[in-house]
N, C-alpha and C. Protein backbone atom coordinates (compact mmCIF):
# COMPACT_ATOMS: atom_id res chain seq x y z
N MET A 1 -16.69 1.52 71.15
CA MET A 1 -17.44 2.86 70.96
C MET A 1 -19.09 2.79 71.56
N SER A 2 -18.86 3.81 72.37
CA SER A 2 -20.24 4.45 73.23
C SER A 2 -21.25 4.61 72.48
N THR A 3 -22.69 4.76 72.85
CA THR A 3 -23.57 4.76 72.49
C THR A 3 -23.71 6.51 71.67
N LYS A 4 -23.11 7.21 73.07
CA LYS A 4 -23.06 8.23 72.60
C LYS A 4 -21.85 8.88 71.85
N ASP A 5 -20.82 8.19 71.90
CA ASP A 5 -19.86 8.38 70.75
C ASP A 5 -20.08 8.01 69.27
N LEU A 6 -21.11 7.05 69.04
CA LEU A 6 -21.54 6.95 67.87
C LEU A 6 -22.92 8.09 67.41
N VAL A 7 -23.44 8.20 67.98
CA VAL A 7 -24.49 9.00 67.68
C VAL A 7 -23.77 10.47 67.25
N LEU A 8 -22.49 10.93 68.32
CA LEU A 8 -21.97 12.25 67.63
C LEU A 8 -21.30 11.84 66.54
N ALA A 9 -20.65 10.65 66.39
CA ALA A 9 -19.70 10.63 64.93
C ALA A 9 -20.72 10.80 63.95
N VAL A 10 -22.25 10.16 63.80
CA VAL A 10 -23.21 9.97 62.56
C VAL A 10 -23.43 11.69 62.52
N PHE A 11 -23.59 12.52 63.40
CA PHE A 11 -23.93 13.93 63.14
C PHE A 11 -22.94 14.69 62.67
N ALA A 12 -21.60 14.32 63.09
CA ALA A 12 -20.18 14.77 62.63
C ALA A 12 -20.13 14.65 61.48
N VAL A 13 -20.29 13.37 60.77
CA VAL A 13 -19.91 13.04 59.17
C VAL A 13 -21.14 13.92 58.29
N TRP A 14 -22.50 13.49 58.97
CA TRP A 14 -23.37 14.55 58.32
C TRP A 14 -22.94 15.94 58.19
N ARG A 15 -22.40 16.50 59.09
CA ARG A 15 -22.07 18.19 59.35
C ARG A 15 -21.27 18.38 58.10
N ILE A 16 -20.13 17.17 58.29
CA ILE A 16 -19.01 17.32 57.44
C ILE A 16 -19.13 17.43 56.13
N THR A 17 -19.92 16.37 55.49
CA THR A 17 -20.22 16.15 54.38
C THR A 17 -21.24 17.06 53.93
N THR A 18 -22.05 17.22 54.60
CA THR A 18 -22.84 18.54 54.35
C THR A 18 -22.40 20.10 53.82
N LEU A 19 -21.10 20.21 54.97
CA LEU A 19 -20.17 21.47 54.80
C LEU A 19 -19.44 21.28 53.28
N LEU A 20 -18.70 20.18 53.10
CA LEU A 20 -18.24 19.89 51.86
C LEU A 20 -19.09 20.16 50.36
N LEU A 21 -20.40 19.72 50.66
CA LEU A 21 -21.05 19.57 49.58
C LEU A 21 -22.14 20.55 49.11
N ARG A 22 -22.48 21.38 50.16
CA ARG A 22 -23.31 22.41 49.88
C ARG A 22 -23.26 23.74 50.73
N GLU A 23 -22.28 23.78 51.73
CA GLU A 23 -22.33 25.27 52.19
C GLU A 23 -21.29 26.07 51.41
N GLU A 24 -21.45 27.44 51.90
CA GLU A 24 -20.68 28.59 51.22
C GLU A 24 -19.47 28.40 52.22
N GLY A 25 -19.41 28.58 53.39
CA GLY A 25 -18.37 28.61 54.38
C GLY A 25 -17.90 30.06 54.58
N PRO A 26 -17.35 30.40 55.30
CA PRO A 26 -16.57 31.62 55.67
C PRO A 26 -15.32 31.87 53.94
N PHE A 27 -15.96 33.24 53.90
CA PHE A 27 -14.92 33.67 52.85
C PHE A 27 -15.40 32.71 51.87
N GLU A 28 -16.41 32.35 51.05
CA GLU A 28 -16.97 31.33 50.23
C GLU A 28 -15.97 30.14 49.93
N VAL A 29 -14.95 29.62 51.04
CA VAL A 29 -14.17 28.74 50.81
C VAL A 29 -14.52 27.29 50.48
N PHE A 30 -15.52 26.56 50.79
CA PHE A 30 -16.11 25.65 50.33
C PHE A 30 -16.37 25.55 48.79
N ILE A 31 -17.07 26.60 48.43
CA ILE A 31 -17.30 26.86 46.96
C ILE A 31 -16.19 27.34 45.99
N LYS A 32 -15.45 27.92 46.62
CA LYS A 32 -13.88 27.63 46.12
C LYS A 32 -13.25 26.21 45.97
N LEU A 33 -13.25 25.68 47.14
CA LEU A 33 -12.45 24.32 47.10
C LEU A 33 -13.80 23.21 45.91
N ARG A 34 -14.65 23.68 46.00
CA ARG A 34 -15.29 22.60 45.21
C ARG A 34 -15.02 23.28 43.54
N SER A 35 -14.75 24.62 43.45
CA SER A 35 -14.69 25.09 41.92
C SER A 35 -13.24 24.48 41.58
N PHE A 36 -12.15 24.51 42.28
CA PHE A 36 -10.80 24.02 42.27
C PHE A 36 -10.78 22.29 41.83
N ILE A 37 -11.47 21.59 42.51
CA ILE A 37 -11.87 20.24 42.20
C ILE A 37 -12.55 19.87 40.87
N GLY A 38 -13.52 21.03 40.25
CA GLY A 38 -14.13 20.35 38.92
C GLY A 38 -15.43 20.33 39.43
N VAL A 39 -16.41 20.51 40.64
CA VAL A 39 -17.73 20.33 40.10
C VAL A 39 -18.43 21.59 39.63
N LYS A 40 -19.58 21.29 38.74
CA LYS A 40 -20.03 22.31 37.93
C LYS A 40 -21.42 21.87 38.35
N TYR A 41 -22.37 23.12 38.11
CA TYR A 41 -23.78 22.71 38.49
C TYR A 41 -24.70 23.05 37.03
N ASN A 42 -25.62 22.23 36.92
CA ASN A 42 -26.59 22.32 35.85
C ASN A 42 -27.50 23.32 35.97
N ALA A 43 -29.00 23.53 35.05
CA ALA A 43 -29.50 24.20 35.02
C ALA A 43 -30.32 24.41 36.24
N GLU A 44 -30.61 23.32 36.85
CA GLU A 44 -31.47 23.28 38.17
C GLU A 44 -30.48 23.62 39.30
N SER A 45 -29.51 23.65 39.31
CA SER A 45 -28.56 24.02 40.07
C SER A 45 -27.93 22.75 41.09
N GLU A 46 -28.21 21.44 40.05
CA GLU A 46 -27.55 20.27 41.35
C GLU A 46 -26.09 20.25 40.78
N PRO A 47 -25.20 19.44 41.51
CA PRO A 47 -23.52 19.47 41.35
C PRO A 47 -23.65 17.99 40.53
N TYR A 48 -22.50 18.30 39.63
CA TYR A 48 -22.13 16.91 39.05
C TYR A 48 -20.60 17.36 38.70
N GLY A 49 -19.82 16.56 38.57
CA GLY A 49 -18.80 16.31 37.93
C GLY A 49 -18.25 15.26 36.67
N GLU A 50 -17.36 15.94 36.25
CA GLU A 50 -16.46 15.31 34.93
C GLU A 50 -15.33 14.45 35.20
N THR A 51 -14.50 14.86 36.34
CA THR A 51 -14.05 13.86 37.14
C THR A 51 -14.02 13.26 38.40
N SER A 52 -13.24 11.98 38.38
CA SER A 52 -13.65 11.33 39.58
C SER A 52 -13.58 11.90 40.88
N LYS A 53 -12.78 12.89 40.95
CA LYS A 53 -12.60 14.05 42.60
C LYS A 53 -14.06 14.52 42.15
N ALA A 54 -14.05 15.45 41.19
CA ALA A 54 -15.53 16.25 41.15
C ALA A 54 -16.94 15.31 41.56
N ARG A 55 -17.17 14.15 40.78
CA ARG A 55 -17.78 13.28 41.29
C ARG A 55 -18.49 12.93 42.38
N LEU A 56 -17.03 12.69 43.15
CA LEU A 56 -16.99 12.29 44.39
C LEU A 56 -17.68 13.62 45.54
N PHE A 57 -17.13 15.16 45.18
CA PHE A 57 -17.64 15.90 45.89
C PHE A 57 -19.13 16.39 45.22
N ALA A 58 -19.46 15.43 44.09
CA ALA A 58 -20.93 16.13 43.96
C ALA A 58 -22.21 14.99 44.31
N CYS A 59 -21.69 14.13 45.21
CA CYS A 59 -22.43 13.05 45.66
C CYS A 59 -22.40 12.79 47.17
N PHE A 60 -23.59 13.07 47.80
CA PHE A 60 -23.91 13.09 49.33
C PHE A 60 -23.37 11.66 49.92
N TRP A 61 -23.84 10.75 49.29
CA TRP A 61 -23.55 9.35 49.44
C TRP A 61 -22.09 8.74 49.43
N CYS A 62 -21.48 9.40 48.15
CA CYS A 62 -20.16 9.02 48.20
C CYS A 62 -19.02 9.68 48.86
N LEU A 63 -19.30 10.99 49.32
CA LEU A 63 -18.50 11.74 50.06
C LEU A 63 -18.62 11.34 51.89
N SER A 64 -19.76 11.17 51.74
CA SER A 64 -20.30 10.62 53.48
C SER A 64 -18.93 9.03 53.98
N MET A 65 -19.38 8.42 52.79
CA MET A 65 -18.83 7.07 52.79
C MET A 65 -17.06 7.22 53.15
N TRP A 66 -16.43 8.78 52.23
CA TRP A 66 -15.19 8.76 52.46
C TRP A 66 -14.87 9.37 53.73
N ILE A 67 -15.75 10.31 54.28
CA ILE A 67 -15.29 11.23 55.34
C ILE A 67 -15.51 10.31 56.38
N THR A 68 -16.44 9.07 56.29
CA THR A 68 -16.60 8.27 57.70
C THR A 68 -15.36 7.60 57.60
N PHE A 69 -14.99 6.65 56.35
CA PHE A 69 -13.24 6.11 56.68
C PHE A 69 -12.33 7.27 56.91
N ILE A 70 -12.04 8.19 56.91
CA ILE A 70 -11.03 9.13 57.16
C ILE A 70 -11.26 9.42 58.90
N TRP A 71 -12.77 9.88 59.11
CA TRP A 71 -12.85 9.64 60.87
C TRP A 71 -12.68 8.57 61.62
N MET A 72 -13.29 7.79 61.06
CA MET A 72 -12.74 6.34 61.61
C MET A 72 -11.02 6.20 61.97
N LEU A 73 -10.46 6.53 60.65
CA LEU A 73 -9.06 6.26 60.88
C LEU A 73 -8.30 7.34 61.93
N VAL A 74 -8.83 8.67 61.66
CA VAL A 74 -8.38 9.50 62.98
C VAL A 74 -9.00 9.13 64.17
N LEU A 75 -10.01 8.20 64.44
CA LEU A 75 -10.22 7.78 65.64
C LEU A 75 -9.64 6.65 66.23
N LEU A 76 -9.13 5.69 65.20
CA LEU A 76 -8.54 5.01 65.56
C LEU A 76 -7.11 5.45 65.60
N TRP A 77 -6.12 6.30 64.88
CA TRP A 77 -4.64 6.78 65.43
C TRP A 77 -4.90 7.73 66.79
N ALA A 78 -5.86 8.27 67.17
CA ALA A 78 -6.26 8.93 68.41
C ALA A 78 -6.66 8.04 69.57
N GLY A 79 -6.52 6.50 69.22
CA GLY A 79 -7.11 5.68 70.24
C GLY A 79 -8.54 5.86 70.96
N ILE A 80 -9.22 6.20 70.43
CA ILE A 80 -10.32 6.45 71.09
C ILE A 80 -11.25 5.22 70.41
N TYR A 81 -11.04 4.73 69.46
CA TYR A 81 -11.37 3.21 68.96
C TYR A 81 -10.05 2.21 68.42
N SER A 82 -10.31 1.23 69.11
CA SER A 82 -9.66 0.25 69.37
C SER A 82 -10.39 -1.40 68.79
N GLY A 83 -11.05 -1.15 67.93
CA GLY A 83 -11.38 -2.69 67.90
C GLY A 83 -10.84 -3.36 66.71
N ASN A 84 -11.47 -4.07 66.37
CA ASN A 84 -10.38 -5.04 65.10
C ASN A 84 -11.11 -4.57 63.86
N PHE A 85 -10.45 -5.20 62.88
CA PHE A 85 -10.69 -4.88 61.26
C PHE A 85 -12.53 -4.68 60.93
N PRO A 86 -12.92 -6.08 61.11
CA PRO A 86 -14.03 -6.27 60.95
C PRO A 86 -14.99 -5.52 61.59
N HIS A 87 -15.05 -5.29 62.78
CA HIS A 87 -15.77 -3.89 63.87
C HIS A 87 -15.48 -2.56 62.80
N PHE A 88 -13.98 -2.33 62.47
CA PHE A 88 -13.89 -1.04 61.88
C PHE A 88 -14.70 -0.51 60.50
N LEU A 89 -14.91 -2.10 59.82
CA LEU A 89 -15.63 -1.77 58.83
C LEU A 89 -17.03 -1.69 59.00
N LEU A 90 -17.35 -2.52 59.69
CA LEU A 90 -19.04 -2.38 60.02
C LEU A 90 -19.15 -1.10 60.87
N TYR A 91 -18.50 -0.35 61.75
CA TYR A 91 -18.47 1.08 62.23
C TYR A 91 -18.65 1.88 61.03
N THR A 92 -17.80 1.99 59.93
CA THR A 92 -17.41 2.80 58.81
C THR A 92 -18.68 2.56 57.78
N PHE A 93 -19.47 1.48 57.68
CA PHE A 93 -20.68 1.33 57.09
C PHE A 93 -21.49 2.13 57.42
N GLY A 94 -21.76 1.48 58.74
CA GLY A 94 -22.74 1.69 59.68
C GLY A 94 -23.32 3.45 59.89
N ILE A 95 -22.02 4.05 60.00
CA ILE A 95 -21.83 5.75 60.57
C ILE A 95 -22.46 6.52 59.43
N ALA A 96 -21.76 6.06 58.10
CA ALA A 96 -21.84 6.62 56.57
C ALA A 96 -23.46 6.26 56.06
N GLY A 97 -24.15 5.21 56.54
CA GLY A 97 -25.33 4.30 56.50
C GLY A 97 -26.66 5.43 57.22
N MET A 98 -25.97 5.57 58.35
CA MET A 98 -26.82 6.33 59.41
C MET A 98 -26.66 8.02 58.89
N SER A 99 -25.50 8.45 58.60
CA SER A 99 -25.33 10.10 58.34
C SER A 99 -26.47 9.95 56.77
N ILE A 100 -26.53 9.01 55.90
CA ILE A 100 -27.39 9.39 54.58
C ILE A 100 -28.44 9.32 55.31
N LEU A 101 -29.26 8.31 55.86
CA LEU A 101 -30.35 8.18 56.24
C LEU A 101 -30.60 9.75 57.32
N CYS A 102 -30.17 10.41 57.73
CA CYS A 102 -30.25 11.62 58.10
C CYS A 102 -30.31 12.23 56.95
N GLU A 103 -29.74 12.65 55.86
CA GLU A 103 -30.00 13.46 54.71
C GLU A 103 -31.19 12.96 54.37
N GLU A 104 -31.29 11.97 54.34
CA GLU A 104 -32.54 11.72 52.99
C GLU A 104 -34.10 11.97 53.79
N ILE A 105 -33.90 11.78 55.61
CA ILE A 105 -34.66 12.56 56.02
C ILE A 105 -34.98 13.88 55.76
N ILE A 106 -34.13 14.47 56.26
CA ILE A 106 -34.28 16.26 56.09
C ILE A 106 -34.04 16.32 54.38
N GLN A 107 -34.19 16.00 53.43
CA GLN A 107 -34.48 16.37 52.00
C GLN A 107 -35.92 16.02 51.94
N ALA A 108 -36.36 15.18 53.08
CA ALA A 108 -37.83 14.79 52.56
C ALA A 108 -38.55 15.72 53.14
N ILE A 109 -38.23 16.06 54.20
CA ILE A 109 -38.87 17.24 54.95
C ILE A 109 -39.21 18.78 54.20
């Protein structure tokens, strides 16, 4: 995977995770998805979940890890990524970690 592909993957994972976790989306599709999954909001408007699926969609760190794993499987299936299993894990954790770092920097601003 080239540096350009790696950077694009990080921003793609960050954006998809942000869409699913925080955005309204067209016709409030993401709000409806989170509601269907069971995500609730406390008095400070912070998401929380009572089920495992809802907790997944209330946590940027958790959701970004799964989004990255799915993204890497798609890249593997499409033939864009052709590395071995240890590199697959390395890229999965690395891309998720970098997308979390992006999120932490943005939240700190």
